[in-house]
């Protein structure tokens, strides 16, 4: 299944059925898109590690929203951009 997961994620994302986490930080003001995931459960399993790594960088706040959507580049959007 490991060889099929990347193409499957791409296909699911192209149809707008992929699960994503939109993670917004303040100070710095940045939006991160974490995904795509085929299932909500797999996203929820992986998200805590991402949030922990992000929190270690010291933002003033971190807020997350889980969405089912189609997403492309850019996956990191700075308020300065």
PDB file of N, CA and C in Angstrom:
ATOM      1  N   UNK A   1       0.817  -1.203   0.000  1.00  0.00           N
ATOM      2  CA  UNK A   1       0.000   0.000   0.000  1.00  0.00           C
ATOM      3  C   UNK A   1       0.856   1.261   0.000  1.00  0.00           C
ATOM      4  N   UNK A   2       2.083   1.168   0.525  1.00  0.00           N
ATOM      5  CA  UNK A   2       2.952   2.332   0.599  1.00  0.00           C
ATOM      6  C   UNK A   2       3.217   2.988  -0.745  1.00  0.00           C
ATOM      7  N   UNK A   3       3.369   2.187  -1.791  1.00  0.00           N
ATOM      8  CA  UNK A   3       3.629   2.736  -3.120  1.00  0.00           C
ATOM      9  C   UNK A   3       2.405   3.428  -3.708  1.00  0.00           C
ATOM     10  N   UNK A   4       1.239   3.071  -3.255  1.00  0.00           N
ATOM     11  CA  UNK A   4       0.004   3.620  -3.806  1.00  0.00           C
ATOM     12  C   UNK A   4      -0.510   4.849  -3.073  1.00  0.00           C
ATOM     13  N   UNK A   5       0.009   5.110  -1.887  1.00  0.00           N
ATOM     14  CA  UNK A   5      -0.571   6.182  -1.076  1.00  0.00           C
ATOM     15  C   UNK A   5      -0.355   7.565  -1.690  1.00  0.00           C
ATOM     16  N   UNK A   6       0.800   7.838  -2.240  1.00  0.00           N
ATOM     17  CA  UNK A   6       1.051   9.168  -2.816  1.00  0.00           C
ATOM     18  C   UNK A   6       0.138   9.442  -4.010  1.00  0.00           C
ATOM     19  N   UNK A   7       0.050   8.501  -4.979  1.00  0.00           N
ATOM     20  CA  UNK A   7      -0.895   8.749  -6.086  1.00  0.00           C
ATOM     21  C   UNK A   7      -2.350   8.832  -5.610  1.00  0.00           C
ATOM     22  N   UNK A   8      -2.699   8.038  -4.605  1.00  0.00           N
ATOM     23  CA  UNK A   8      -4.060   8.075  -4.072  1.00  0.00           C
ATOM     24  C   UNK A   8      -4.347   9.427  -3.429  1.00  0.00           C
ATOM     25  N   UNK A   9      -3.396   9.948  -2.672  1.00  0.00           N
ATOM     26  CA  UNK A   9      -3.569  11.278  -2.060  1.00  0.00           C
ATOM     27  C   UNK A   9      -3.759  12.341  -3.134  1.00  0.00           C
ATOM     28  N   UNK A  10      -2.951  12.248  -4.179  1.00  0.00           N
ATOM     29  CA  UNK A  10      -3.045  13.210  -5.277  1.00  0.00           C
ATOM     30  C   UNK A  10      -4.408  13.136  -5.955  1.00  0.00           C
ATOM     31  N   UNK A  11      -4.882  11.931  -6.200  1.00  0.00           N
ATOM     32  CA  UNK A  11      -6.180  11.742  -6.846  1.00  0.00           C
ATOM     33  C   UNK A  11      -7.313  12.272  -5.970  1.00  0.00           C
ATOM     34  N   UNK A  12      -7.296  11.910  -4.696  1.00  0.00           N
ATOM     35  CA  UNK A  12      -8.328  12.364  -3.761  1.00  0.00           C
ATOM     36  C   UNK A  12      -8.311  13.888  -3.675  1.00  0.00           C
ATOM     37  N   UNK A  13      -7.131  14.481  -3.644  1.00  0.00           N
ATOM     38  CA  UNK A  13      -7.016  15.936  -3.585  1.00  0.00           C
ATOM     39  C   UNK A  13      -7.570  16.576  -4.856  1.00  0.00           C
ATOM     40  N   UNK A  14      -7.295  15.981  -6.007  1.00  0.00           N
ATOM     41  CA  UNK A  14      -7.764  16.563  -7.267  1.00  0.00           C
ATOM     42  C   UNK A  14      -9.284  16.608  -7.351  1.00  0.00           C
ATOM     43  N   UNK A  15      -9.959  15.699  -6.652  1.00  0.00           N
ATOM     44  CA  UNK A  15     -11.418  15.702  -6.613  1.00  0.00           C
ATOM     45  C   UNK A  15     -11.984  16.537  -5.457  1.00  0.00           C
ATOM     46  N   UNK A  16     -11.119  17.132  -4.663  1.00  0.00           N
ATOM     47  CA  UNK A  16     -11.563  17.954  -3.542  1.00  0.00           C
ATOM     48  C   UNK A  16     -12.040  17.150  -2.351  1.00  0.00           C
ATOM     49  N   UNK A  17     -11.595  15.892  -2.266  1.00  0.00           N
ATOM     50  CA  UNK A  17     -12.035  15.009  -1.193  1.00  0.00           C
ATOM     51  C   UNK A  17     -10.957  14.756  -0.143  1.00  0.00           C
ATOM     52  N   UNK A  18      -9.823  15.411  -0.285  1.00  0.00           N
ATOM     53  CA  UNK A  18      -8.717  15.211   0.651  1.00  0.00           C
ATOM     54  C   UNK A  18      -8.964  15.989   1.944  1.00  0.00           C
ATOM     55  N   UNK A  19      -8.387  15.478   3.017  1.00  0.00           N
ATOM     56  CA  UNK A  19      -8.455  16.148   4.311  1.00  0.00           C
ATOM     57  C   UNK A  19      -7.189  16.967   4.516  1.00  0.00           C
ATOM     58  N   UNK A  20      -7.361  18.199   4.934  1.00  0.00           N
ATOM     59  CA  UNK A  20      -6.275  19.134   5.175  1.00  0.00           C
ATOM     60  C   UNK A  20      -6.459  19.795   6.537  1.00  0.00           C
ATOM     61  N   UNK A  21      -5.353  20.220   7.117  1.00  0.00           N
ATOM     62  CA  UNK A  21      -5.408  21.075   8.302  1.00  0.00           C
ATOM     63  C   UNK A  21      -4.864  22.446   7.895  1.00  0.00           C
ATOM     64  N   UNK A  22      -5.655  23.473   8.161  1.00  0.00           N
ATOM     65  CA  UNK A  22      -5.180  24.849   7.992  1.00  0.00           C
ATOM     66  C   UNK A  22      -4.738  25.296   9.373  1.00  0.00           C
ATOM     67  N   UNK A  23      -3.462  25.589   9.508  1.00  0.00           N
ATOM     68  CA  UNK A  23      -2.891  25.967  10.799  1.00  0.00           C
ATOM     69  C   UNK A  23      -2.414  27.412  10.689  1.00  0.00           C
ATOM     70  N   UNK A  24      -2.983  28.266  11.525  1.00  0.00           N
ATOM     71  CA  UNK A  24      -2.647  29.685  11.493  1.00  0.00           C
ATOM     72  C   UNK A  24      -1.904  30.060  12.767  1.00  0.00           C
ATOM     73  N   UNK A  25      -0.801  30.783  12.593  1.00  0.00           N
ATOM     74  CA  UNK A  25      -0.023  31.258  13.736  1.00  0.00           C
ATOM     75  C   UNK A  25      -0.052  32.781  13.770  1.00  0.00           C
ATOM     76  N   UNK A  26       0.163  33.308  14.948  1.00  0.00           N
ATOM     77  CA  UNK A  26       0.298  34.762  15.142  1.00  0.00           C
ATOM     78  C   UNK A  26       1.675  35.021  15.724  1.00  0.00           C
ATOM     79  N   UNK A  27       2.297  36.053  15.219  1.00  0.00           N
ATOM     80  CA  UNK A  27       3.653  36.452  15.646  1.00  0.00           C
ATOM     81  C   UNK A  27       4.639  35.301  15.547  1.00  0.00           C
ATOM     82  N   UNK A  28       4.912  34.835  14.365  1.00  0.00           N
ATOM     83  CA  UNK A  28       4.656  35.423  13.047  1.00  0.00           C
ATOM     84  C   UNK A  28       3.274  35.041  12.514  1.00  0.00           C
ATOM     85  N   UNK A  29       2.742  35.897  11.647  1.00  0.00           N
ATOM     86  CA  UNK A  29       1.446  35.658  11.012  1.00  0.00           C
ATOM     87  C   UNK A  29       1.655  34.809   9.763  1.00  0.00           C
ATOM     88  N   UNK A  30       1.428  33.516   9.928  1.00  0.00           N
ATOM     89  CA  UNK A  30       1.658  32.565   8.847  1.00  0.00           C
ATOM     90  C   UNK A  30       0.509  31.561   8.833  1.00  0.00           C
ATOM     91  N   UNK A  31       0.099  31.152   7.634  1.00  0.00           N
ATOM     92  CA  UNK A  31      -0.870  30.074   7.464  1.00  0.00           C
ATOM     93  C   UNK A  31      -0.150  28.905   6.822  1.00  0.00           C
ATOM     94  N   UNK A  32      -0.258  27.752   7.458  1.00  0.00           N
ATOM     95  CA  UNK A  32       0.325  26.514   6.942  1.00  0.00           C
ATOM     96  C   UNK A  32      -0.809  25.581   6.540  1.00  0.00           C
ATOM     97  N   UNK A  33      -0.661  24.914   5.410  1.00  0.00           N
ATOM     98  CA  UNK A  33      -1.593  23.875   4.984  1.00  0.00           C
ATOM     99  C   UNK A  33      -0.878  22.550   5.143  1.00  0.00           C
ATOM    100  N   UNK A  34      -1.460  21.652   5.936  1.00  0.00           N
ATOM    101  CA  UNK A  34      -0.856  20.353   6.235  1.00  0.00           C
ATOM    102  C   UNK A  34      -1.737  19.257   5.632  1.00  0.00           C
ATOM    103  N   UNK A  35      -1.212  18.565   4.637  1.00  0.00           N
ATOM    104  CA  UNK A  35      -1.964  17.522   3.962  1.00  0.00           C
ATOM    105  C   UNK A  35      -1.355  17.243   2.608  1.00  0.00           C
ATOM    106  N   UNK A  36      -2.020  16.556   1.751  1.00  0.00           N
ATOM    107  CA  UNK A  36      -3.358  15.996   1.869  1.00  0.00           C
ATOM    108  C   UNK A  36      -3.349  14.628   2.548  1.00  0.00           C
ATOM    109  N   UNK A  37      -4.485  14.300   3.142  1.00  0.00           N
ATOM    110  CA  UNK A  37      -4.683  12.990   3.757  1.00  0.00           C
ATOM    111  C   UNK A  37      -5.938  12.369   3.164  1.00  0.00           C
ATOM    112  N   UNK A  38      -5.917  11.058   3.023  1.00  0.00           N
ATOM    113  CA  UNK A  38      -7.053  10.345   2.451  1.00  0.00           C
ATOM    114  C   UNK A  38      -8.196  10.248   3.458  1.00  0.00           C
ATOM    115  N   UNK A  39      -7.856  10.109   4.736  1.00  0.00           N
ATOM    116  CA  UNK A  39      -8.899  10.001   5.758  1.00  0.00           C
ATOM    117  C   UNK A  39      -8.687  11.049   6.844  1.00  0.00           C
ATOM    118  N   UNK A  40      -9.782  11.447   7.458  1.00  0.00           N
ATOM    119  CA  UNK A  40      -9.717  12.391   8.579  1.00  0.00           C
ATOM    120  C   UNK A  40      -8.932  11.772   9.737  1.00  0.00           C
ATOM    121  N   UNK A  41      -9.117  10.481   9.941  1.00  0.00           N
ATOM    122  CA  UNK A  41      -8.420   9.790  11.031  1.00  0.00           C
ATOM    123  C   UNK A  41      -6.907   9.857  10.846  1.00  0.00           C
ATOM    124  N   UNK A  42      -6.427   9.648   9.624  1.00  0.00           N
ATOM    125  CA  UNK A  42      -4.973   9.698   9.401  1.00  0.00           C
ATOM    126  C   UNK A  42      -4.434  11.109   9.634  1.00  0.00           C
ATOM    127  N   UNK A  43      -5.198  12.125   9.250  1.00  0.00           N
ATOM    128  CA  UNK A  43      -4.790  13.506   9.525  1.00  0.00           C
ATOM    129  C   UNK A  43      -4.722  13.744  11.024  1.00  0.00           C
ATOM    130  N   UNK A  44      -5.753  13.333  11.750  1.00  0.00           N
ATOM    131  CA  UNK A  44      -5.781  13.556  13.195  1.00  0.00           C
ATOM    132  C   UNK A  44      -4.668  12.792  13.916  1.00  0.00           C
ATOM    133  N   UNK A  45      -4.225  11.684  13.340  1.00  0.00           N
ATOM    134  CA  UNK A  45      -3.126  10.919  13.922  1.00  0.00           C
ATOM    135  C   UNK A  45      -1.793  11.645  13.740  1.00  0.00           C
ATOM    136  N   UNK A  46      -1.591  12.258  12.583  1.00  0.00           N
ATOM    137  CA  UNK A  46      -0.322  12.918  12.256  1.00  0.00           C
ATOM    138  C   UNK A  46      -0.233  14.370  12.729  1.00  0.00           C
ATOM    139  N   UNK A  47      -1.351  15.038  12.865  1.00  0.00           N
ATOM    140  CA  UNK A  47      -1.370  16.468  13.175  1.00  0.00           C
ATOM    141  C   UNK A  47      -0.666  16.848  14.474  1.00  0.00           C
ATOM    142  N   UNK A  48      -0.800  16.102  15.576  1.00  0.00           N
ATOM    143  CA  UNK A  48      -0.126  16.515  16.810  1.00  0.00           C
ATOM    144  C   UNK A  48       1.393  16.677  16.675  1.00  0.00           C
ATOM    145  N   UNK A  49       2.028  15.836  15.900  1.00  0.00           N
ATOM    146  CA  UNK A  49       3.478  15.963  15.699  1.00  0.00           C
ATOM    147  C   UNK A  49       3.805  17.260  14.967  1.00  0.00           C
ATOM    148  N   UNK A  50       3.040  17.568  13.920  1.00  0.00           N
ATOM    149  CA  UNK A  50       3.236  18.812  13.178  1.00  0.00           C
ATOM    150  C   UNK A  50       3.032  20.015  14.098  1.00  0.00           C
ATOM    151  N   UNK A  51       1.958  19.995  14.891  1.00  0.00           N
ATOM    152  CA  UNK A  51       1.673  21.113  15.793  1.00  0.00           C
ATOM    153  C   UNK A  51       2.745  21.273  16.861  1.00  0.00           C
ATOM    154  N   UNK A  52       3.261  20.165  17.348  1.00  0.00           N
ATOM    155  CA  UNK A  52       4.327  20.210  18.349  1.00  0.00           C
ATOM    156  C   UNK A  52       5.586  20.851  17.770  1.00  0.00           C
ATOM    157  N   UNK A  53       5.963  20.437  16.582  1.00  0.00           N
ATOM    158  CA  UNK A  53       7.134  21.022  15.920  1.00  0.00           C
ATOM    159  C   UNK A  53       6.928  22.508  15.672  1.00  0.00           C
ATOM    160  N   UNK A  54       5.745  22.865  15.235  1.00  0.00           N
ATOM    161  CA  UNK A  54       5.442  24.266  14.958  1.00  0.00           C
ATOM    162  C   UNK A  54       5.444  25.097  16.237  1.00  0.00           C
ATOM    163  N   UNK A  55       4.877  24.574  17.300  1.00  0.00           N
ATOM    164  CA  UNK A  55       4.837  25.293  18.582  1.00  0.00           C
ATOM    165  C   UNK A  55       6.225  25.517  19.156  1.00  0.00           C
ATOM    166  N   UNK A  56       7.136  24.601  18.875  1.00  0.00           N
ATOM    167  CA  UNK A  56       8.511  24.736  19.354  1.00  0.00           C
ATOM    168  C   UNK A  56       9.212  25.946  18.737  1.00  0.00           C
ATOM    169  N   UNK A  57       8.689  26.445  17.614  1.00  0.00           N
ATOM    170  CA  UNK A  57       9.277  27.629  16.978  1.00  0.00           C
ATOM    171  C   UNK A  57       8.860  28.920  17.666  1.00  0.00           C
ATOM    172  N   UNK A  58       7.920  28.836  18.619  1.00  0.00           N
ATOM    173  CA  UNK A  58       7.591  29.969  19.462  1.00  0.00           C
ATOM    174  C   UNK A  58       6.585  30.981  18.968  1.00  0.00           C
ATOM    175  N   UNK A  59       5.583  30.604  18.167  1.00  0.00           N
ATOM    176  CA  UNK A  59       4.585  31.605  17.791  1.00  0.00           C
ATOM    177  C   UNK A  59       3.734  31.992  18.998  1.00  0.00           C
ATOM    178  N   UNK A  60       3.124  33.177  18.935  1.00  0.00           N
ATOM    179  CA  UNK A  60       2.281  33.644  20.037  1.00  0.00           C
ATOM    180  C   UNK A  60       1.035  32.774  20.194  1.00  0.00           C
ATOM    181  N   UNK A  61       0.473  32.313  19.068  1.00  0.00           N
ATOM    182  CA  UNK A  61      -0.688  31.421  19.125  1.00  0.00           C
ATOM    183  C   UNK A  61      -0.705  30.519  17.901  1.00  0.00           C
ATOM    184  N   UNK A  62      -1.356  29.368  18.057  1.00  0.00           N
ATOM    185  CA  UNK A  62      -1.503  28.403  16.972  1.00  0.00           C
ATOM    186  C   UNK A  62      -2.955  27.950  16.970  1.00  0.00           C
ATOM    187  N   UNK A  63      -3.630  28.131  15.838  1.00  0.00           N
ATOM    188  CA  UNK A  63      -5.023  27.699  15.692  1.00  0.00           C
ATOM    189  C   UNK A  63      -5.125  26.789  14.483  1.00  0.00           C
ATOM    190  N   UNK A  64      -5.960  25.762  14.597  1.00  0.00           N
ATOM    191  CA  UNK A  64      -6.092  24.811  13.505  1.00  0.00           C
ATOM    192  C   UNK A  64      -7.544  24.615  13.115  1.00  0.00           C
ATOM    193  N   UNK A  65      -7.753  24.315  11.845  1.00  0.00           N
ATOM    194  CA  UNK A  65      -9.061  23.974  11.321  1.00  0.00           C
ATOM    195  C   UNK A  65      -8.874  22.789  10.390  1.00  0.00           C
ATOM    196  N   UNK A  66      -9.705  21.761  10.541  1.00  0.00           N
ATOM    197  CA  UNK A  66      -9.636  20.599   9.667  1.00  0.00           C
ATOM    198  C   UNK A  66     -10.697  20.764   8.587  1.00  0.00           C
ATOM    199  N   UNK A  67     -10.262  20.629   7.330  1.00  0.00           N
ATOM    200  CA  UNK A  67     -11.138  20.858   6.189  1.00  0.00           C
ATOM    201  C   UNK A  67     -11.031  19.719   5.186  1.00  0.00           C
ATOM    202  N   UNK A  68     -12.091  19.512   4.454  1.00  0.00           N
ATOM    203  CA  UNK A  68     -12.053  18.589   3.314  1.00  0.00           C
ATOM    204  C   UNK A  68     -12.150  19.457   2.076  1.00  0.00           C
ATOM    205  N   UNK A  69     -11.065  19.492   1.298  1.00  0.00           N
ATOM    206  CA  UNK A  69     -11.015  20.407   0.164  1.00  0.00           C
ATOM    207  C   UNK A  69      -9.912  19.993  -0.803  1.00  0.00           C
ATOM    208  N   UNK A  70      -9.799  20.754  -1.877  1.00  0.00           N
ATOM    209  CA  UNK A  70      -8.694  20.604  -2.818  1.00  0.00           C
ATOM    210  C   UNK A  70      -7.730  21.746  -2.525  1.00  0.00           C
ATOM    211  N   UNK A  71      -6.465  21.434  -2.486  1.00  0.00           N
ATOM    212  CA  UNK A  71      -5.468  22.445  -2.140  1.00  0.00           C
ATOM    213  C   UNK A  71      -4.236  22.235  -2.995  1.00  0.00           C
ATOM    214  N   UNK A  72      -3.632  23.308  -3.407  1.00  0.00           N
ATOM    215  CA  UNK A  72      -2.378  23.263  -4.147  1.00  0.00           C
ATOM    216  C   UNK A  72      -1.379  24.207  -3.517  1.00  0.00           C
ATOM    217  N   UNK A  73      -0.311  24.456  -4.222  1.00  0.00           N
ATOM    218  CA  UNK A  73       0.718  25.374  -3.740  1.00  0.00           C
ATOM    219  C   UNK A  73       0.158  26.795  -3.718  1.00  0.00           C
ATOM    220  N   UNK A  74       0.634  27.649  -2.852  1.00  0.00           N
ATOM    221  CA  UNK A  74       1.625  27.433  -1.815  1.00  0.00           C
ATOM    222  C   UNK A  74       1.000  26.817  -0.571  1.00  0.00           C
ATOM    223  N   UNK A  75       1.802  26.081   0.149  1.00  0.00           N
ATOM    224  CA  UNK A  75       1.332  25.434   1.370  1.00  0.00           C
ATOM    225  C   UNK A  75       1.708  26.220   2.617  1.00  0.00           C
ATOM    226  N   UNK A  76       2.552  27.224   2.456  1.00  0.00           N
ATOM    227  CA  UNK A  76       2.915  28.136   3.540  1.00  0.00           C
ATOM    228  C   UNK A  76       2.714  29.558   3.030  1.00  0.00           C
ATOM    229  N   UNK A  77       1.889  30.315   3.739  1.00  0.00           N
ATOM    230  CA  UNK A  77       1.562  31.666   3.292  1.00  0.00           C
ATOM    231  C   UNK A  77       1.867  32.628   4.428  1.00  0.00           C
ATOM    232  N   UNK A  78       2.814  33.505   4.202  1.00  0.00           N
ATOM    233  CA  UNK A  78       3.205  34.509   5.188  1.00  0.00           C
ATOM    234  C   UNK A  78       2.417  35.790   4.955  1.00  0.00           C
ATOM    235  N   UNK A  79       2.088  36.484   6.025  1.00  0.00           N
ATOM    236  CA  UNK A  79       1.391  37.755   5.899  1.00  0.00           C
ATOM    237  C   UNK A  79       2.234  38.791   5.165  1.00  0.00           C
ATOM    238  N   UNK A  80       3.545  38.598   5.171  1.00  0.00           N
ATOM    239  CA  UNK A  80       4.460  39.509   4.503  1.00  0.00           C
ATOM    240  C   UNK A  80       4.478  39.304   2.999  1.00  0.00           C
ATOM    241  N   UNK A  81       3.936  38.184   2.519  1.00  0.00           N
ATOM    242  CA  UNK A  81       3.969  37.867   1.082  1.00  0.00           C
ATOM    243  C   UNK A  81       3.048  38.726   0.277  1.00  0.00           C
TER     244      UNK A  81
END
